[in-house]
C-alpha atoms as a PDB file:
ATOM      1  CA  MET A   1     -68.589-169.474-102.257  1.00  0.00           C
ATOM      2  CA  VAL A   2     -66.904-166.979-100.064  1.00  0.00           C
ATOM      3  CA  LYS A   3     -66.706-168.232 -96.448  1.00  0.00           C
ATOM      4  CA  THR A   4     -67.183-166.336 -93.425  1.00  0.00           C
ATOM      5  CA  ILE A   5     -67.101-167.073 -89.489  1.00  0.00           C
ATOM      6  CA  PHE A   6     -70.932-167.757 -89.921  1.00  0.00           C
ATOM      7  CA  THR A   7     -70.360-170.337 -92.817  1.00  0.00           C
ATOM      8  CA  PRO A   8     -71.418-173.950 -91.589  1.00  0.00           C
ATOM      9  CA  TYR A   9     -69.823-177.163 -92.451  1.00  0.00           C
ATOM     10  CA  ARG A  10     -71.944-179.449 -94.539  1.00  0.00           C
ATOM     11  CA  MET A  11     -72.725-182.314 -92.420  1.00  0.00           C
ATOM     12  CA  ARG A  12     -74.303-185.883 -93.947  1.00  0.00           C
ATOM     13  CA  ILE A  13     -76.473-187.728 -91.135  1.00  0.00           C
ATOM     14  CA  ALA A  14     -74.733-191.176 -91.162  1.00  0.00           C
ATOM     15  CA  ALA A  15     -76.783-192.601 -88.279  1.00  0.00           C
ATOM     16  CA  VAL A  16     -79.730-191.848 -86.341  1.00  0.00           C
ATOM     17  CA  THR A  17     -80.535-193.366 -82.728  1.00  0.00           C
ATOM     18  CA  GLU A  18     -83.807-192.883 -81.137  1.00  0.00           C
ATOM     19  CA  GLU A  19     -82.644-192.342 -77.464  1.00  0.00           C
ATOM     20  CA  ALA A  20     -86.035-191.482 -75.745  1.00  0.00           C
ATOM     21  CA  PRO A  21     -89.286-190.004 -76.356  1.00  0.00           C
ATOM     22  CA  ALA A  22     -88.502-187.080 -78.702  1.00  0.00           C
ATOM     23  CA  VAL A  23     -84.791-187.453 -78.203  1.00  0.00           C
ATOM     24  CA  LYS A  24     -82.372-188.565 -80.920  1.00  0.00           C
ATOM     25  CA  THR A  25     -78.617-188.737 -81.513  1.00  0.00           C
ATOM     26  CA  PHE A  26     -77.342-187.948 -84.902  1.00  0.00           C
ATOM     27  CA  ARG A  27     -73.797-189.242 -86.277  1.00  0.00           C
ATOM     28  CA  LEU A  28     -72.583-186.504 -88.606  1.00  0.00           C
ATOM     29  CA  GLU A  29     -69.795-186.852 -91.088  1.00  0.00           C
ATOM     30  CA  PHE A  30     -68.113-184.125 -93.112  1.00  0.00           C
ATOM     31  CA  VAL A  31     -69.318-183.839 -96.757  1.00  0.00           C
ATOM     32  CA  ASP A  32     -65.844-182.472 -97.702  1.00  0.00           C
ATOM     33  CA  PRO A  33     -63.029-185.062 -96.692  1.00  0.00           C
ATOM     34  CA  GLN A  34     -60.641-181.887 -96.331  1.00  0.00           C
ATOM     35  CA  ASP A  35     -63.035-180.548 -93.634  1.00  0.00           C
ATOM     36  CA  ALA A  36     -62.943-183.835 -91.950  1.00  0.00           C
ATOM     37  CA  GLU A  37     -59.094-183.883 -91.892  1.00  0.00           C
ATOM     38  CA  LYS A  38     -58.752-180.418 -90.531  1.00  0.00           C
ATOM     39  CA  PHE A  39     -61.560-180.522 -88.009  1.00  0.00           C
ATOM     40  CA  LYS A  40     -60.376-180.576 -84.241  1.00  0.00           C
ATOM     41  CA  PHE A  41     -62.293-180.117 -81.108  1.00  0.00           C
ATOM     42  CA  ARG A  42     -61.867-180.774 -77.329  1.00  0.00           C
ATOM     43  CA  ALA A  43     -64.202-182.258 -74.614  1.00  0.00           C
ATOM     44  CA  GLY A  44     -66.691-179.678 -73.590  1.00  0.00           C
ATOM     45  CA  GLN A  45     -66.993-177.599 -76.874  1.00  0.00           C
ATOM     46  CA  PHE A  46     -70.156-177.061 -78.618  1.00  0.00           C
ATOM     47  CA  GLY A  47     -71.665-176.185 -81.953  1.00  0.00           C
ATOM     48  CA  GLU A  48     -74.406-174.640 -84.058  1.00  0.00           C
ATOM     49  CA  TYR A  49     -76.416-177.288 -85.771  1.00  0.00           C
ATOM     50  CA  GLY A  50     -78.950-175.961 -88.358  1.00  0.00           C
ATOM     51  CA  VAL A  51     -81.494-176.876 -91.182  1.00  0.00           C
ATOM     52  CA  PHE A  52     -81.142-174.632 -93.906  1.00  0.00           C
ATOM     53  CA  GLY A  53     -83.895-172.399 -94.235  1.00  0.00           C
ATOM     54  CA  GLU A  54     -84.998-173.021 -90.650  1.00  0.00           C
ATOM     55  CA  GLY A  55     -82.357-171.659 -88.481  1.00  0.00           C
ATOM     56  CA  GLU A  56     -79.698-173.086 -85.793  1.00  0.00           C
ATOM     57  CA  SER A  57     -79.852-174.762 -82.412  1.00  0.00           C
ATOM     58  CA  THR A  58     -76.957-175.036 -79.861  1.00  0.00           C
ATOM     59  CA  PHE A  59     -75.895-178.533 -78.581  1.00  0.00           C
ATOM     60  CA  CYS A  60     -72.692-179.841 -77.315  1.00  0.00           C
ATOM     61  CA  ILE A  61     -70.598-182.322 -79.403  1.00  0.00           C
ATOM     62  CA  ALA A  62     -71.614-185.428 -77.543  1.00  0.00           C
ATOM     63  CA  SER A  63     -68.861-187.477 -78.969  1.00  0.00           C
ATOM     64  CA  PRO A  64     -65.232-187.617 -77.796  1.00  0.00           C
ATOM     65  CA  PRO A  65     -62.223-186.149 -79.667  1.00  0.00           C
ATOM     66  CA  THR A  66     -60.477-189.607 -79.357  1.00  0.00           C
ATOM     67  CA  ARG A  67     -63.049-190.916 -81.964  1.00  0.00           C
ATOM     68  CA  SER A  68     -62.233-189.310 -85.375  1.00  0.00           C
ATOM     69  CA  GLY A  69     -63.956-188.966 -88.740  1.00  0.00           C
ATOM     70  CA  TYR A  70     -67.308-188.079 -87.187  1.00  0.00           C
ATOM     71  CA  ILE A  71     -69.124-185.861 -84.639  1.00  0.00           C
ATOM     72  CA  GLU A  72     -72.349-186.686 -82.952  1.00  0.00           C
ATOM     73  CA  CYS A  73     -74.954-184.620 -81.276  1.00  0.00           C
ATOM     74  CA  THR A  74     -78.035-185.501 -79.198  1.00  0.00           C
ATOM     75  CA  PHE A  75     -81.219-183.523 -78.928  1.00  0.00           C
ATOM     76  CA  ARG A  76     -84.583-183.132 -77.819  1.00  0.00           C
ATOM     77  CA  GLN A  77     -87.224-182.041 -80.258  1.00  0.00           C
ATOM     78  CA  ALA A  78     -88.691-178.755 -78.457  1.00  0.00           C
ATOM     79  CA  GLY A  79     -89.122-175.980 -81.155  1.00  0.00           C
ATOM     80  CA  ARG A  80     -89.031-175.060 -84.632  1.00  0.00           C
ATOM     81  CA  VAL A  81     -85.244-175.685 -85.271  1.00  0.00           C
ATOM     82  CA  THR A  82     -85.188-179.076 -83.247  1.00  0.00           C
ATOM     83  CA  THR A  83     -88.333-180.261 -84.956  1.00  0.00           C
ATOM     84  CA  ALA A  84     -86.778-179.394 -88.478  1.00  0.00           C
ATOM     85  CA  LEU A  85     -83.736-181.285 -87.384  1.00  0.00           C
ATOM     86  CA  SER A  86     -85.700-184.284 -86.211  1.00  0.00           C
ATOM     87  CA  ASP A  87     -87.409-184.549 -89.400  1.00  0.00           C
ATOM     88  CA  ARG A  88     -84.114-185.124 -91.180  1.00  0.00           C
ATOM     89  CA  ASP A  89     -82.927-188.721 -91.888  1.00  0.00           C
ATOM     90  CA  LEU A  90     -80.035-190.763 -93.013  1.00  0.00           C
ATOM     91  CA  GLY A  91     -78.301-189.123 -95.858  1.00  0.00           C
ATOM     92  CA  ASP A  92     -79.785-185.612 -95.286  1.00  0.00           C
ATOM     93  CA  ILE A  93     -77.458-182.736 -95.145  1.00  0.00           C
ATOM     94  CA  ILE A  94     -77.363-180.441 -92.230  1.00  0.00           C
ATOM     95  CA  GLY A  95     -75.061-177.303 -91.245  1.00  0.00           C
ATOM     96  CA  PHE A  96     -72.874-177.323 -88.277  1.00  0.00           C
ATOM     97  CA  ARG A  97     -70.781-174.230 -86.896  1.00  0.00           C
ATOM     98  CA  GLY A  98     -67.905-174.950 -84.379  1.00  0.00           C
ATOM     99  CA  PRO A  99     -66.337-176.020 -82.409  1.00  0.00           C
ATOM    100  CA  TYR A 100     -66.975-172.833 -80.019  1.00  0.00           C
ATOM    101  CA  GLY A 101     -66.280-172.307 -76.369  1.00  0.00           C
ATOM    102  CA  ASN A 102     -63.769-173.434 -73.712  1.00  0.00           C
ATOM    103  CA  THR A 103     -63.147-177.110 -72.631  1.00  0.00           C
ATOM    104  CA  PHE A 104     -62.997-179.466 -69.718  1.00  0.00           C
ATOM    105  CA  PRO A 105     -59.327-179.335 -68.236  1.00  0.00           C
ATOM    106  CA  ILE A 106     -59.074-183.197 -68.346  1.00  0.00           C
ATOM    107  CA  GLU A 107     -55.238-182.885 -68.377  1.00  0.00           C
ATOM    108  CA  GLN A 108     -55.446-181.322 -65.069  1.00  0.00           C
ATOM    109  CA  TRP A 109     -57.573-184.024 -63.761  1.00  0.00           C
ATOM    110  CA  GLU A 110     -55.129-186.874 -64.422  1.00  0.00           C
ATOM    111  CA  GLY A 111     -54.405-188.799 -61.313  1.00  0.00           C
ATOM    112  CA  LYS A 112     -57.796-187.786 -59.713  1.00  0.00           C
ATOM    113  CA  ASN A 113     -60.937-189.444 -58.894  1.00  0.00           C
ATOM    114  CA  LEU A 114     -63.653-188.394 -61.323  1.00  0.00           C
ATOM    115  CA  LEU A 115     -67.545-188.287 -60.350  1.00  0.00           C
ATOM    116  CA  PHE A 116     -70.093-187.599 -63.262  1.00  0.00           C
ATOM    117  CA  ILE A 117     -73.545-186.672 -61.954  1.00  0.00           C
ATOM    118  CA  ALA A 118     -76.353-186.083 -64.747  1.00  0.00           C
ATOM    119  CA  GLY A 119     -80.006-185.891 -64.902  1.00  0.00           C
ATOM    120  CA  GLY A 120     -82.225-186.490 -67.980  1.00  0.00           C
ATOM    121  CA  ILE A 121     -81.027-184.896 -70.915  1.00  0.00           C
ATOM    122  CA  GLY A 122     -78.055-183.493 -69.009  1.00  0.00           C
ATOM    123  CA  LEU A 123     -75.998-186.728 -69.868  1.00  0.00           C
ATOM    124  CA  PRO A 124     -75.199-185.790 -73.343  1.00  0.00           C
ATOM    125  CA  PRO A 125     -73.078-182.847 -72.611  1.00  0.00           C
ATOM    126  CA  MET A 126     -71.350-185.224 -70.169  1.00  0.00           C
ATOM    127  CA  ARG A 127     -70.909-188.058 -72.684  1.00  0.00           C
ATOM    128  CA  CYS A 128     -68.123-186.493 -74.488  1.00  0.00           C
ATOM    129  CA  VAL A 129     -65.950-186.193 -71.475  1.00  0.00           C
ATOM    130  CA  ILE A 130     -66.885-189.565 -69.989  1.00  0.00           C
ATOM    131  CA  TRP A 131     -65.891-191.411 -73.302  1.00  0.00           C
ATOM    132  CA  ASN A 132     -62.771-189.107 -73.444  1.00  0.00           C
ATOM    133  CA  VAL A 133     -61.732-190.206 -69.988  1.00  0.00           C
ATOM    134  CA  LEU A 134     -62.509-193.838 -70.525  1.00  0.00           C
ATOM    135  CA  ASP A 135     -60.282-193.850 -73.807  1.00  0.00           C
ATOM    136  CA  LEU A 136     -57.642-192.656 -71.688  1.00  0.00           C
ATOM    137  CA  ARG A 137     -58.482-194.816 -68.648  1.00  0.00           C
ATOM    138  CA  ASP A 138     -55.223-195.436 -67.274  1.00  0.00           C
ATOM    139  CA  ARG A 139     -54.636-191.722 -66.534  1.00  0.00           C
ATOM    140  CA  TYR A 140     -57.411-191.335 -63.906  1.00  0.00           C
ATOM    141  CA  LYS A 141     -58.206-193.074 -60.614  1.00  0.00           C
ATOM    142  CA  ASP A 142     -61.854-193.884 -59.786  1.00  0.00           C
ATOM    143  CA  VAL A 143     -64.391-193.122 -62.351  1.00  0.00           C
ATOM    144  CA  SER A 144     -68.181-192.873 -60.923  1.00  0.00           C
ATOM    145  CA  ILE A 145     -71.231-191.961 -62.707  1.00  0.00           C
ATOM    146  CA  VAL A 146     -74.608-191.383 -61.255  1.00  0.00           C
ATOM    147  CA  TYR A 147     -77.375-190.850 -63.556  1.00  0.00           C
ATOM    148  CA  GLY A 148     -81.019-190.482 -63.315  1.00  0.00           C
ATOM    149  CA  ALA A 149     -84.239-189.657 -65.333  1.00  0.00           C
ATOM    150  CA  ARG A 150     -87.967-189.112 -64.614  1.00  0.00           C
ATOM    151  CA  THR A 151     -88.734-192.666 -65.993  1.00  0.00           C
ATOM    152  CA  VAL A 152     -86.986-195.768 -67.488  1.00  0.00           C
ATOM    153  CA  ALA A 153     -88.112-194.582 -70.984  1.00  0.00           C
ATOM    154  CA  ASP A 154     -86.439-191.122 -70.604  1.00  0.00           C
ATOM    155  CA  LEU A 155     -82.815-192.747 -69.876  1.00  0.00           C
ATOM    156  CA  VAL A 156     -80.725-191.721 -72.749  1.00  0.00           C
ATOM    157  CA  TYR A 157     -77.750-194.076 -74.119  1.00  0.00           C
ATOM    158  CA  LYS A 158     -79.387-197.159 -72.810  1.00  0.00           C
ATOM    159  CA  ASN A 159     -76.808-199.301 -74.661  1.00  0.00           C
ATOM    160  CA  GLU A 160     -73.815-197.425 -73.507  1.00  0.00           C
ATOM    161  CA  LEU A 161     -75.187-197.546 -69.774  1.00  0.00           C
ATOM    162  CA  ALA A 162     -75.269-201.007 -70.002  1.00  0.00           C
ATOM    163  CA  GLU A 163     -71.679-201.251 -71.346  1.00  0.00           C
ATOM    164  CA  TRP A 164     -70.620-198.695 -68.690  1.00  0.00           C
ATOM    165  CA  GLY A 165     -72.381-200.746 -65.722  1.00  0.00           C
ATOM    166  CA  SER A 166     -70.375-203.905 -67.195  1.00  0.00           C
ATOM    167  CA  ARG A 167     -66.953-202.420 -66.907  1.00  0.00           C
ATOM    168  CA  PRO A 168     -65.096-203.131 -63.595  1.00  0.00           C
ATOM    169  CA  ASP A 169     -63.346-199.915 -63.653  1.00  0.00           C
ATOM    170  CA  VAL A 170     -66.435-197.866 -63.699  1.00  0.00           C
ATOM    171  CA  ASN A 171     -68.912-197.367 -60.737  1.00  0.00           C
ATOM    172  CA  LEU A 172     -72.280-196.580 -62.168  1.00  0.00           C
ATOM    173  CA  HIS A 173     -75.398-195.730 -60.322  1.00  0.00           C
ATOM    174  CA  ILE A 174     -78.379-195.435 -62.499  1.00  0.00           C
ATOM    175  CA  THR A 175     -81.973-194.351 -60.973  1.00  0.00           C
ATOM    176  CA  VAL A 176     -85.481-193.122 -61.863  1.00  0.00           C
ATOM    177  CA  ASP A 177     -87.766-190.977 -59.880  1.00  0.00           C
ATOM    178  CA  PRO A 178     -90.453-192.844 -57.687  1.00  0.00           C
ATOM    179  CA  GLY A 179     -93.229-193.901 -60.026  1.00  0.00           C
ATOM    180  CA  GLY A 180     -90.935-193.884 -63.158  1.00  0.00           C
ATOM    181  CA  GLU A 181     -89.798-197.522 -62.778  1.00  0.00           C
ATOM    182  CA  THR A 182     -91.345-200.400 -64.811  1.00  0.00           C
ATOM    183  CA  LEU A 183     -91.906-204.267 -63.666  1.00  0.00           C
ATOM    184  CA  GLU A 184     -88.470-205.164 -65.410  1.00  0.00           C
ATOM    185  CA  TRP A 185     -86.424-202.207 -63.747  1.00  0.00           C
ATOM    186  CA  LYS A 186     -83.509-203.519 -61.952  1.00  0.00           C
ATOM    187  CA  GLY A 187     -81.760-200.255 -61.259  1.00  0.00           C
ATOM    188  CA  LYS A 188     -82.325-197.874 -58.298  1.00  0.00           C
ATOM    189  CA  ILE A 189     -85.466-195.836 -57.411  1.00  0.00           C
ATOM    190  CA  GLY A 190     -84.982-192.359 -56.173  1.00  0.00           C
ATOM    191  CA  PHE A 191     -83.816-188.674 -56.849  1.00  0.00           C
ATOM    192  CA  VAL A 192     -80.233-188.285 -57.861  1.00  0.00           C
ATOM    193  CA  PRO A 193     -79.063-186.382 -54.804  1.00  0.00           C
ATOM    194  CA  LYS A 194     -80.402-189.200 -52.543  1.00  0.00           C
ATOM    195  CA  ILE A 195     -78.712-191.707 -54.604  1.00  0.00           C
ATOM    196  CA  LEU A 196     -75.322-189.643 -54.810  1.00  0.00           C
ATOM    197  CA  GLU A 197     -75.554-189.504 -50.951  1.00  0.00           C
ATOM    198  CA  GLU A 198     -75.976-193.244 -50.618  1.00  0.00           C
ATOM    199  CA  ALA A 199     -72.947-193.750 -53.054  1.00  0.00           C
ATOM    200  CA  LYS A 200     -70.750-191.743 -50.693  1.00  0.00           C
ATOM    201  CA  PRO A 201     -67.985-190.823 -53.158  1.00  0.00           C
ATOM    202  CA  THR A 202     -64.938-188.993 -51.647  1.00  0.00           C
ATOM    203  CA  GLY A 203     -64.138-185.506 -52.100  1.00  0.00           C
ATOM    204  CA  THR A 204     -60.666-186.085 -51.585  1.00  0.00           C
ATOM    205  CA  ASN A 205     -58.442-185.731 -54.584  1.00  0.00           C
ATOM    206  CA  SER A 206     -61.560-185.732 -56.718  1.00  0.00           C
ATOM    207  CA  ILE A 207     -63.451-183.661 -59.528  1.00  0.00           C
ATOM    208  CA  ALA A 208     -67.145-183.542 -59.963  1.00  0.00           C
ATOM    209  CA  VAL A 209     -68.884-182.688 -63.176  1.00  0.00           C
ATOM    210  CA  VAL A 210     -72.899-182.039 -62.746  1.00  0.00           C
ATOM    211  CA  CYS A 211     -75.383-181.356 -65.452  1.00  0.00           C
ATOM    212  CA  GLY A 212     -79.108-181.644 -65.469  1.00  0.00           C
ATOM    213  CA  PRO A 213     -82.326-179.829 -64.585  1.00  0.00           C
ATOM    214  CA  PRO A 214     -81.700-176.825 -62.425  1.00  0.00           C
ATOM    215  CA  ILE A 215     -83.678-178.175 -59.508  1.00  0.00           C
ATOM    216  CA  MET A 216     -81.421-181.484 -59.664  1.00  0.00           C
ATOM    217  CA  ILE A 217     -78.360-179.185 -59.735  1.00  0.00           C
ATOM    218  CA  LYS A 218     -79.599-177.238 -56.776  1.00  0.00           C
ATOM    219  CA  LEU A 219     -80.447-180.215 -54.554  1.00  0.00           C
ATOM    220  CA  THR A 220     -77.187-181.921 -55.476  1.00  0.00           C
ATOM    221  CA  LEU A 221     -74.509-179.030 -54.718  1.00  0.00           C
ATOM    222  CA  PRO A 222     -75.233-179.428 -50.707  1.00  0.00           C
ATOM    223  CA  VAL A 223     -74.737-183.065 -51.146  1.00  0.00           C
ATOM    224  CA  LEU A 224     -71.450-182.492 -52.763  1.00  0.00           C
ATOM    225  CA  ALA A 225     -70.434-179.919 -50.323  1.00  0.00           C
ATOM    226  CA  LYS A 226     -71.318-182.530 -47.479  1.00  0.00           C
ATOM    227  CA  LEU A 227     -69.069-185.048 -49.249  1.00  0.00           C
ATOM    228  CA  GLY A 228     -66.162-182.869 -49.103  1.00  0.00           C
ATOM    229  CA  PHE A 229     -66.272-181.129 -52.619  1.00  0.00           C
ATOM    230  CA  ALA A 230     -65.097-177.518 -52.798  1.00  0.00           C
ATOM    231  CA  PRO A 231     -66.537-175.193 -55.307  1.00  0.00           C
ATOM    232  CA  GLU A 232     -63.142-175.397 -57.295  1.00  0.00           C
ATOM    233  CA  GLN A 233     -63.713-178.985 -57.569  1.00  0.00           C
ATOM    234  CA  ILE A 234     -67.311-179.041 -59.190  1.00  0.00           C
ATOM    235  CA  TYR A 235     -67.718-178.363 -62.764  1.00  0.00           C
ATOM    236  CA  THR A 236     -70.873-177.804 -65.096  1.00  0.00           C
ATOM    237  CA  THR A 237     -71.550-176.762 -68.580  1.00  0.00           C
ATOM    238  CA  LEU A 238     -74.067-173.974 -69.580  1.00  0.00           C
ATOM    239  CA  GLU A 239     -75.955-173.453 -72.751  1.00  0.00           C
ATOM    240  CA  ASN A 240     -77.972-170.162 -71.508  1.00  0.00           C
ATOM    241  CA  ARG A 241     -79.487-168.814 -74.524  1.00  0.00           C
ATOM    242  CA  MET A 242     -76.490-169.251 -76.705  1.00  0.00           C
ATOM    243  CA  LYS A 243     -77.156-168.304 -80.399  1.00  0.00           C
ATOM    244  CA  CYS A 244     -74.194-167.112 -82.491  1.00  0.00           C
ATOM    245  CA  GLY A 245     -71.556-169.027 -80.682  1.00  0.00           C
ATOM    246  CA  LEU A 246     -69.199-166.083 -81.357  1.00  0.00           C
ATOM    247  CA  GLY A 247     -69.910-163.376 -78.701  1.00  0.00           C
ATOM    248  CA  LYS A 248     -71.556-161.300 -81.310  1.00  0.00           C
ATOM    249  CA  CYS A 249     -75.281-161.394 -80.480  1.00  0.00           C
ATOM    250  CA  GLY A 250     -75.096-160.797 -76.838  1.00  0.00           C
ATOM    251  CA  ARG A 251     -77.900-163.280 -75.935  1.00  0.00           C
ATOM    252  CA  CYS A 252     -75.858-165.315 -73.584  1.00  0.00           C
ATOM    253  CA  ASN A 253     -74.500-162.361 -71.611  1.00  0.00           C
ATOM    254  CA  VAL A 254     -74.369-162.888 -67.786  1.00  0.00           C
ATOM    255  CA  GLY A 255     -72.712-159.931 -66.011  1.00  0.00           C
ATOM    256  CA  SER A 256     -69.283-159.495 -67.418  1.00  0.00           C
ATOM    257  CA  VAL A 257     -69.361-163.219 -68.978  1.00  0.00           C
ATOM    258  CA  MET A 258     -70.492-164.256 -72.478  1.00  0.00           C
ATOM    259  CA  VAL A 259     -71.302-168.089 -71.906  1.00  0.00           C
ATOM    260  CA  CYS A 260     -70.419-168.761 -75.488  1.00  0.00           C
ATOM    261  CA  LYS A 261     -66.839-167.437 -75.275  1.00  0.00           C
ATOM    262  CA  ASP A 262     -66.003-167.644 -71.413  1.00  0.00           C
ATOM    263  CA  GLY A 263     -67.877-171.046 -71.069  1.00  0.00           C
ATOM    264  CA  PRO A 264     -69.740-173.182 -71.508  1.00  0.00           C
ATOM    265  CA  VAL A 265     -67.587-175.000 -68.995  1.00  0.00           C
ATOM    266  CA  PHE A 266     -67.530-173.279 -65.541  1.00  0.00           C
ATOM    267  CA  THR A 267     -66.420-174.303 -61.994  1.00  0.00           C
ATOM    268  CA  LEU A 268     -69.156-173.678 -59.215  1.00  0.00           C
ATOM    269  CA  ALA A 269     -66.557-171.119 -57.828  1.00  0.00           C
ATOM    270  CA  GLN A 270     -66.881-168.950 -60.999  1.00  0.00           C
ATOM    271  CA  LEU A 271     -70.525-169.301 -61.153  1.00  0.00           C
ATOM    272  CA  GLU A 272     -70.775-167.925 -57.571  1.00  0.00           C
ATOM    273  CA  LYS A 273     -69.188-164.838 -58.818  1.00  0.00           C
ATOM    274  CA  LEU A 274     -72.031-164.142 -61.483  1.00  0.00           C
ATOM    275  CA  PRO A 275     -75.019-161.806 -60.747  1.00  0.00           C
ATOM    276  CA  GLN A 276     -77.191-163.361 -58.108  1.00  0.00           C
ATOM    277  CA  GLU A 277     -80.287-163.569 -60.644  1.00  0.00           C
ATOM    278  CA  TYR A 278     -78.489-165.904 -62.675  1.00  0.00           C
END
């Protein structure tokens, strides 16, 4: 077979985790051991995951580069491709193209306090960099995570949240929207911006990473500004209609930016320079 830039790796589903209603995590292993040996990526990069005959869908690589031999992706069943992916099971073969895009500059963050703020399905793009940082924990100062979802059932990575919460070197704040709690719920109740303001993380010598629903991000940014975070200290990751991953199709074009090539990782300072309608 002649390989081109669009030729996917063949990946075998090695594990399936039901994270939340219609949300799954796949652990993927390379069918070809030589592909596994050569494959490298960095925190923040993404890929195109496809079911042969159905198409491809864009997700981040949700596992960290500090864990070798596999990659993981987490996705919500929403359309034709994600439904086809959701129908796959252990041992099935799917396609993967990547890694694409830029990365979180975690080397530049060494010696700083790190704050991760996520809502709902916005935690998977952040999971890669969180684990990358925790696997190199001695290089960073305080690590704080503020994560919220609409209901308790909608929280993803429940086992890992429990693990992070038990670590003395992680400040974890988990919340659900008012009305989304259960009788057994022991976490916080309230929207993410409110919980963030109560946590009072310092903006001094700090980096914030934000990912979640647009309304959550919109209401979180003024809180970060109040806490002393400048636009250059705030990062996010975008998926903005990415399709080819290579800057060929133009679907992710915003002004002079191709999100798949110039992103998906941007600072707030960079986003503020994009067209206002974005």
